[in-house]
């Protein structure tokens, strides 16, 4: 729906990818 808060939704429904998608310039902690 157009008025749905997608940003807030994605904080409630997380995702783990097969290719990790970590920030290469950050430490594990900062990631």
ModelCIF file with pLDDT and N, C-alpha, C, O atoms, coordinates in Angstrom:
data_MODEL
#
_entry.id   MODEL 
#
_entity.id                         1 
_entity.type                       polymer 
_entity.pdbx_number_of_molecules   1 
#
_entity_poly.entity_id                      1 
_entity_poly.type                           'polypeptide(L)' 
_entity_poly.nstd_linkage                   no 
_entity_poly.nstd_monomer                   no 
_entity_poly.pdbx_seq_one_letter_code       
;(UNK)(UNK)(UNK)(UNK)(UNK)(UNK)(UNK)(UNK)(UNK)(UNK)(UNK)(UNK)(UNK)(UNK)(UNK)(UNK)
(UNK)(UNK)(UNK)(UNK)(UNK)(UNK)(UNK)(UNK)(UNK)(UNK)(UNK)(UNK)(UNK)(UNK)(UNK)
;
_entity_poly.pdbx_seq_one_letter_code_can   XXXXXXXXXXXXXXXXXXXXXXXXXXXXXXX 
_entity_poly.pdbx_strand_id                 A 
#
loop_
_entity_poly_seq.entity_id 
_entity_poly_seq.num 
_entity_poly_seq.mon_id 
_entity_poly_seq.hetero 
1 1  UNK n 
1 2  UNK n 
1 3  UNK n 
1 4  UNK n 
1 5  UNK n 
1 6  UNK n 
1 7  UNK n 
1 8  UNK n 
1 9  UNK n 
1 10 UNK n 
1 11 UNK n 
1 12 UNK n 
1 13 UNK n 
1 14 UNK n 
1 15 UNK n 
1 16 UNK n 
1 17 UNK n 
1 18 UNK n 
1 19 UNK n 
1 20 UNK n 
1 21 UNK n 
1 22 UNK n 
1 23 UNK n 
1 24 UNK n 
1 25 UNK n 
1 26 UNK n 
1 27 UNK n 
1 28 UNK n 
1 29 UNK n 
1 30 UNK n 
1 31 UNK n 
#
_struct_asym.id          A 
_struct_asym.entity_id   1 
#
loop_
_ma_qa_metric.id 
_ma_qa_metric.mode 
_ma_qa_metric.name 
_ma_qa_metric.software_group_id 
_ma_qa_metric.type 
1 global pLDDT . pLDDT 
2 local  pLDDT . pLDDT 
#
_ma_qa_metric_global.metric_id      1 
_ma_qa_metric_global.metric_value   93.10 
_ma_qa_metric_global.model_id       1 
_ma_qa_metric_global.ordinal_id     1 
#
loop_
_ma_qa_metric_local.label_asym_id 
_ma_qa_metric_local.label_comp_id 
_ma_qa_metric_local.label_seq_id 
_ma_qa_metric_local.metric_id 
_ma_qa_metric_local.metric_value 
_ma_qa_metric_local.model_id 
_ma_qa_metric_local.ordinal_id 
A UNK 1  2 92.00 1 1  
A UNK 2  2 90.00 1 2  
A UNK 3  2 91.00 1 3  
A UNK 4  2 93.00 1 4  
A UNK 5  2 93.00 1 5  
A UNK 6  2 92.00 1 6  
A UNK 7  2 90.00 1 7  
A UNK 8  2 92.00 1 8  
A UNK 9  2 94.00 1 9  
A UNK 10 2 92.00 1 10 
A UNK 11 2 92.00 1 11 
A UNK 12 2 95.00 1 12 
A UNK 13 2 96.00 1 13 
A UNK 14 2 94.00 1 14 
A UNK 15 2 94.00 1 15 
A UNK 16 2 94.00 1 16 
A UNK 17 2 91.00 1 17 
A UNK 18 2 87.00 1 18 
A UNK 19 2 88.00 1 19 
A UNK 20 2 90.00 1 20 
A UNK 21 2 91.00 1 21 
A UNK 22 2 94.00 1 22 
A UNK 23 2 94.00 1 23 
A UNK 24 2 94.00 1 24 
A UNK 25 2 95.00 1 25 
A UNK 26 2 96.00 1 26 
A UNK 27 2 96.00 1 27 
A UNK 28 2 96.00 1 28 
A UNK 29 2 97.00 1 29 
A UNK 30 2 97.00 1 30 
A UNK 31 2 96.00 1 31 
#
loop_
_atom_site.group_PDB 
_atom_site.id 
_atom_site.type_symbol 
_atom_site.label_atom_id 
_atom_site.label_alt_id 
_atom_site.label_comp_id 
_atom_site.label_asym_id 
_atom_site.label_entity_id 
_atom_site.label_seq_id 
_atom_site.pdbx_PDB_ins_code 
_atom_site.Cartn_x 
_atom_site.Cartn_y 
_atom_site.Cartn_z 
_atom_site.occupancy 
_atom_site.B_iso_or_equiv 
_atom_site.pdbx_formal_charge 
_atom_site.auth_seq_id 
_atom_site.auth_comp_id 
_atom_site.auth_asym_id 
_atom_site.auth_atom_id 
_atom_site.pdbx_PDB_model_num 
ATOM 1   N N  . UNK A 1 1  ? 0.835  -1.206  0.000  1.00 92.00 ? 1  UNK A N  1 
ATOM 2   C CA . UNK A 1 1  ? 0.000  0.000   0.000  1.00 92.00 ? 1  UNK A CA 1 
ATOM 3   C C  . UNK A 1 1  ? 0.868  1.254   0.000  1.00 92.00 ? 1  UNK A C  1 
ATOM 4   O O  . UNK A 1 1  ? 1.951  1.262   0.586  1.00 92.00 ? 1  UNK A O  1 
ATOM 5   N N  . UNK A 1 2  ? 0.400  2.305   -0.650 1.00 90.00 ? 2  UNK A N  1 
ATOM 6   C CA . UNK A 1 2  ? 1.190  3.530   -0.807 1.00 90.00 ? 2  UNK A CA 1 
ATOM 7   C C  . UNK A 1 2  ? 1.536  4.190   0.525  1.00 90.00 ? 2  UNK A C  1 
ATOM 8   O O  . UNK A 1 2  ? 2.606  4.780   0.675  1.00 90.00 ? 2  UNK A O  1 
ATOM 9   N N  . UNK A 1 3  ? 0.624  4.084   1.489  1.00 91.00 ? 3  UNK A N  1 
ATOM 10  C CA . UNK A 1 3  ? 0.856  4.768   2.763  1.00 91.00 ? 3  UNK A CA 1 
ATOM 11  C C  . UNK A 1 3  ? 1.553  3.896   3.801  1.00 91.00 ? 3  UNK A C  1 
ATOM 12  O O  . UNK A 1 3  ? 1.664  4.278   4.966  1.00 91.00 ? 3  UNK A O  1 
ATOM 13  N N  . UNK A 1 4  ? 2.025  2.713   3.372  1.00 93.00 ? 4  UNK A N  1 
ATOM 14  C CA . UNK A 1 4  ? 2.675  1.801   4.328  1.00 93.00 ? 4  UNK A CA 1 
ATOM 15  C C  . UNK A 1 4  ? 4.113  2.257   4.584  1.00 93.00 ? 4  UNK A C  1 
ATOM 16  O O  . UNK A 1 4  ? 4.820  2.632   3.648  1.00 93.00 ? 4  UNK A O  1 
ATOM 17  N N  . UNK A 1 5  ? 4.545  2.227   5.840  1.00 93.00 ? 5  UNK A N  1 
ATOM 18  C CA . UNK A 1 5  ? 5.897  2.664   6.206  1.00 93.00 ? 5  UNK A CA 1 
ATOM 19  C C  . UNK A 1 5  ? 6.881  1.505   5.991  1.00 93.00 ? 5  UNK A C  1 
ATOM 20  O O  . UNK A 1 5  ? 7.090  0.666   6.867  1.00 93.00 ? 5  UNK A O  1 
ATOM 21  N N  . UNK A 1 6  ? 7.473  1.494   4.796  1.00 92.00 ? 6  UNK A N  1 
ATOM 22  C CA . UNK A 1 6  ? 8.353  0.386   4.413  1.00 92.00 ? 6  UNK A CA 1 
ATOM 23  C C  . UNK A 1 6  ? 9.649  0.377   5.221  1.00 92.00 ? 6  UNK A C  1 
ATOM 24  O O  . UNK A 1 6  ? 10.164 -0.691  5.551  1.00 92.00 ? 6  UNK A O  1 
ATOM 25  N N  . UNK A 1 7  ? 10.175 1.552   5.539  1.00 90.00 ? 7  UNK A N  1 
ATOM 26  C CA . UNK A 1 7  ? 11.426 1.631   6.312  1.00 90.00 ? 7  UNK A CA 1 
ATOM 27  C C  . UNK A 1 7  ? 11.245 0.994   7.686  1.00 90.00 ? 7  UNK A C  1 
ATOM 28  O O  . UNK A 1 7  ? 12.090 0.222   8.138  1.00 90.00 ? 7  UNK A O  1 
ATOM 29  N N  . UNK A 1 8  ? 10.147 1.320   8.339  1.00 92.00 ? 8  UNK A N  1 
ATOM 30  C CA . UNK A 1 8  ? 9.885  0.749   9.657  1.00 92.00 ? 8  UNK A CA 1 
ATOM 31  C C  . UNK A 1 8  ? 9.659  -0.765  9.553  1.00 92.00 ? 8  UNK A C  1 
ATOM 32  O O  . UNK A 1 8  ? 10.086 -1.531  10.417 1.00 92.00 ? 8  UNK A O  1 
ATOM 33  N N  . UNK A 1 9  ? 8.980  -1.176  8.482  1.00 94.00 ? 9  UNK A N  1 
ATOM 34  C CA . UNK A 1 9  ? 8.721  -2.604  8.254  1.00 94.00 ? 9  UNK A CA 1 
ATOM 35  C C  . UNK A 1 9  ? 10.030 -3.388  8.158  1.00 94.00 ? 9  UNK A C  1 
ATOM 36  O O  . UNK A 1 9  ? 10.152 -4.479  8.714  1.00 94.00 ? 9  UNK A O  1 
ATOM 37  N N  . UNK A 1 10 ? 10.988 -2.831  7.460  1.00 92.00 ? 10 UNK A N  1 
ATOM 38  C CA . UNK A 1 10 ? 12.256 -3.549  7.250  1.00 92.00 ? 10 UNK A CA 1 
ATOM 39  C C  . UNK A 1 10 ? 13.089 -3.633  8.522  1.00 92.00 ? 10 UNK A C  1 
ATOM 40  O O  . UNK A 1 10 ? 14.002 -4.454  8.615  1.00 92.00 ? 10 UNK A O  1 
ATOM 41  N N  . UNK A 1 11 ? 12.780 -2.784  9.505  1.00 92.00 ? 11 UNK A N  1 
ATOM 42  C CA . UNK A 1 11 ? 13.443 -2.954  10.808 1.00 92.00 ? 11 UNK A CA 1 
ATOM 43  C C  . UNK A 1 11 ? 12.818 -4.116  11.575 1.00 92.00 ? 11 UNK A C  1 
ATOM 44  O O  . UNK A 1 11 ? 13.444 -4.678  12.474 1.00 92.00 ? 11 UNK A O  1 
ATOM 45  N N  . UNK A 1 12 ? 11.590 -4.476  11.224 1.00 95.00 ? 12 UNK A N  1 
ATOM 46  C CA . UNK A 1 12 ? 10.886 -5.568  11.896 1.00 95.00 ? 12 UNK A CA 1 
ATOM 47  C C  . UNK A 1 12 ? 11.046 -6.898  11.169 1.00 95.00 ? 12 UNK A C  1 
ATOM 48  O O  . UNK A 1 12 ? 10.920 -7.964  11.771 1.00 95.00 ? 12 UNK A O  1 
ATOM 49  N N  . UNK A 1 13 ? 11.323 -6.826  9.874  1.00 96.00 ? 13 UNK A N  1 
ATOM 50  C CA . UNK A 1 13 ? 11.506 -8.038  9.061  1.00 96.00 ? 13 UNK A CA 1 
ATOM 51  C C  . UNK A 1 13 ? 12.895 -7.950  8.437  1.00 96.00 ? 13 UNK A C  1 
ATOM 52  O O  . UNK A 1 13 ? 13.077 -7.338  7.385  1.00 96.00 ? 13 UNK A O  1 
ATOM 53  N N  . UNK A 1 14 ? 13.870 -8.570  9.099  1.00 94.00 ? 14 UNK A N  1 
ATOM 54  C CA . UNK A 1 14 ? 15.254 -8.507  8.647  1.00 94.00 ? 14 UNK A CA 1 
ATOM 55  C C  . UNK A 1 14 ? 15.554 -9.562  7.597  1.00 94.00 ? 14 UNK A C  1 
ATOM 56  O O  . UNK A 1 14 ? 14.754 -10.465 7.352  1.00 94.00 ? 14 UNK A O  1 
ATOM 57  N N  . UNK A 1 15 ? 16.727 -9.432  6.979  1.00 94.00 ? 15 UNK A N  1 
ATOM 58  C CA . UNK A 1 15 ? 17.092 -10.385 5.922  1.00 94.00 ? 15 UNK A CA 1 
ATOM 59  C C  . UNK A 1 15 ? 18.584 -10.687 5.970  1.00 94.00 ? 15 UNK A C  1 
ATOM 60  O O  . UNK A 1 15 ? 19.413 -9.799  6.167  1.00 94.00 ? 15 UNK A O  1 
ATOM 61  N N  . UNK A 1 16 ? 18.901 -11.961 5.786  1.00 94.00 ? 16 UNK A N  1 
ATOM 62  C CA . UNK A 1 16 ? 20.284 -12.430 5.690  1.00 94.00 ? 16 UNK A CA 1 
ATOM 63  C C  . UNK A 1 16 ? 20.468 -12.988 4.286  1.00 94.00 ? 16 UNK A C  1 
ATOM 64  O O  . UNK A 1 16 ? 19.738 -13.886 3.867  1.00 94.00 ? 16 UNK A O  1 
ATOM 65  N N  . UNK A 1 17 ? 21.448 -12.452 3.560  1.00 91.00 ? 17 UNK A N  1 
ATOM 66  C CA . UNK A 1 17 ? 21.653 -12.791 2.157  1.00 91.00 ? 17 UNK A CA 1 
ATOM 67  C C  . UNK A 1 17 ? 22.726 -13.874 2.010  1.00 91.00 ? 17 UNK A C  1 
ATOM 68  O O  . UNK A 1 17 ? 23.568 -14.062 2.888  1.00 91.00 ? 17 UNK A O  1 
ATOM 69  N N  . UNK A 1 18 ? 22.672 -14.577 0.879  1.00 87.00 ? 18 UNK A N  1 
ATOM 70  C CA . UNK A 1 18 ? 23.686 -15.619 0.645  1.00 87.00 ? 18 UNK A CA 1 
ATOM 71  C C  . UNK A 1 18 ? 25.062 -15.018 0.409  1.00 87.00 ? 18 UNK A C  1 
ATOM 72  O O  . UNK A 1 18 ? 26.072 -15.676 0.657  1.00 87.00 ? 18 UNK A O  1 
ATOM 73  N N  . UNK A 1 19 ? 25.120 -13.766 -0.072 1.00 88.00 ? 19 UNK A N  1 
ATOM 74  C CA . UNK A 1 19 ? 26.422 -13.142 -0.373 1.00 88.00 ? 19 UNK A CA 1 
ATOM 75  C C  . UNK A 1 19 ? 26.860 -12.165 0.715  1.00 88.00 ? 19 UNK A C  1 
ATOM 76  O O  . UNK A 1 19 ? 27.710 -11.309 0.472  1.00 88.00 ? 19 UNK A O  1 
ATOM 77  N N  . UNK A 1 20 ? 26.286 -12.288 1.911  1.00 90.00 ? 20 UNK A N  1 
ATOM 78  C CA . UNK A 1 20 ? 26.667 -11.551 3.130  1.00 90.00 ? 20 UNK A CA 1 
ATOM 79  C C  . UNK A 1 20 ? 26.251 -10.074 3.123  1.00 90.00 ? 20 UNK A C  1 
ATOM 80  O O  . UNK A 1 20 ? 25.631 -9.593  4.072  1.00 90.00 ? 20 UNK A O  1 
ATOM 81  N N  . UNK A 1 21 ? 26.603 -9.349  2.024  1.00 91.00 ? 21 UNK A N  1 
ATOM 82  C CA . UNK A 1 21 ? 26.258 -7.924  1.893  1.00 91.00 ? 21 UNK A CA 1 
ATOM 83  C C  . UNK A 1 21 ? 26.777 -7.073  3.055  1.00 91.00 ? 21 UNK A C  1 
ATOM 84  O O  . UNK A 1 21 ? 26.094 -6.157  3.514  1.00 91.00 ? 21 UNK A O  1 
ATOM 85  N N  . UNK A 1 22 ? 27.982 -7.381  3.524  1.00 94.00 ? 22 UNK A N  1 
ATOM 86  C CA . UNK A 1 22 ? 28.603 -6.559  4.565  1.00 94.00 ? 22 UNK A CA 1 
ATOM 87  C C  . UNK A 1 22 ? 29.286 -5.341  3.932  1.00 94.00 ? 22 UNK A C  1 
ATOM 88  O O  . UNK A 1 22 ? 29.631 -5.358  2.751  1.00 94.00 ? 22 UNK A O  1 
ATOM 89  N N  . UNK A 1 23 ? 29.476 -4.293  4.727  1.00 94.00 ? 23 UNK A N  1 
ATOM 90  C CA . UNK A 1 23 ? 30.231 -3.129  4.263  1.00 94.00 ? 23 UNK A CA 1 
ATOM 91  C C  . UNK A 1 23 ? 31.717 -3.454  4.403  1.00 94.00 ? 23 UNK A C  1 
ATOM 92  O O  . UNK A 1 23 ? 32.218 -3.636  5.513  1.00 94.00 ? 23 UNK A O  1 
ATOM 93  N N  . UNK A 1 24 ? 32.414 -3.527  3.276  1.00 94.00 ? 24 UNK A N  1 
ATOM 94  C CA . UNK A 1 24 ? 33.815 -3.958  3.282  1.00 94.00 ? 24 UNK A CA 1 
ATOM 95  C C  . UNK A 1 24 ? 34.749 -2.979  3.985  1.00 94.00 ? 24 UNK A C  1 
ATOM 96  O O  . UNK A 1 24 ? 35.822 -3.365  4.448  1.00 94.00 ? 24 UNK A O  1 
ATOM 97  N N  . UNK A 1 25 ? 34.342 -1.706  4.066  1.00 95.00 ? 25 UNK A N  1 
ATOM 98  C CA . UNK A 1 25 ? 35.212 -0.697  4.687  1.00 95.00 ? 25 UNK A CA 1 
ATOM 99  C C  . UNK A 1 25 ? 34.952 -0.548  6.185  1.00 95.00 ? 25 UNK A C  1 
ATOM 100 O O  . UNK A 1 25 ? 35.520 0.333   6.831  1.00 95.00 ? 25 UNK A O  1 
ATOM 101 N N  . UNK A 1 26 ? 34.091 -1.411  6.739  1.00 96.00 ? 26 UNK A N  1 
ATOM 102 C CA . UNK A 1 26 ? 33.763 -1.336  8.167  1.00 96.00 ? 26 UNK A CA 1 
ATOM 103 C C  . UNK A 1 26 ? 34.180 -2.617  8.876  1.00 96.00 ? 26 UNK A C  1 
ATOM 104 O O  . UNK A 1 26 ? 34.228 -3.693  8.280  1.00 96.00 ? 26 UNK A O  1 
ATOM 105 N N  . UNK A 1 27 ? 34.479 -2.472  10.163 1.00 96.00 ? 27 UNK A N  1 
ATOM 106 C CA . UNK A 1 27 ? 34.761 -3.646  10.994 1.00 96.00 ? 27 UNK A CA 1 
ATOM 107 C C  . UNK A 1 27 ? 33.473 -4.423  11.232 1.00 96.00 ? 27 UNK A C  1 
ATOM 108 O O  . UNK A 1 27 ? 32.383 -3.934  10.936 1.00 96.00 ? 27 UNK A O  1 
ATOM 109 N N  . UNK A 1 28 ? 33.600 -5.636  11.768 1.00 96.00 ? 28 UNK A N  1 
ATOM 110 C CA . UNK A 1 28 ? 32.427 -6.441  12.113 1.00 96.00 ? 28 UNK A CA 1 
ATOM 111 C C  . UNK A 1 28 ? 31.517 -5.674  13.068 1.00 96.00 ? 28 UNK A C  1 
ATOM 112 O O  . UNK A 1 28 ? 30.296 -5.675  12.911 1.00 96.00 ? 28 UNK A O  1 
ATOM 113 N N  . UNK A 1 29 ? 32.119 -5.024  14.052 1.00 97.00 ? 29 UNK A N  1 
ATOM 114 C CA . UNK A 1 29 ? 31.330 -4.268  15.038 1.00 97.00 ? 29 UNK A CA 1 
ATOM 115 C C  . UNK A 1 29 ? 30.565 -3.126  14.375 1.00 97.00 ? 29 UNK A C  1 
ATOM 116 O O  . UNK A 1 29 ? 29.372 -2.946  14.619 1.00 97.00 ? 29 UNK A O  1 
ATOM 117 N N  . UNK A 1 30 ? 31.254 -2.359  13.543 1.00 97.00 ? 30 UNK A N  1 
ATOM 118 C CA . UNK A 1 30 ? 30.595 -1.215  12.906 1.00 97.00 ? 30 UNK A CA 1 
ATOM 119 C C  . UNK A 1 30 ? 29.534 -1.654  11.898 1.00 97.00 ? 30 UNK A C  1 
ATOM 120 O O  . UNK A 1 30 ? 28.552 -0.942  11.689 1.00 97.00 ? 30 UNK A O  1 
ATOM 121 N N  . UNK A 1 31 ? 29.717 -2.804  11.280 1.00 96.00 ? 31 UNK A N  1 
ATOM 122 C CA . UNK A 1 31 ? 28.673 -3.344  10.411 1.00 96.00 ? 31 UNK A CA 1 
ATOM 123 C C  . UNK A 1 31 ? 27.380 -3.562  11.192 1.00 96.00 ? 31 UNK A C  1 
ATOM 124 O O  . UNK A 1 31 ? 26.385 -4.014  10.625 1.00 96.00 ? 31 UNK A O  1 
#
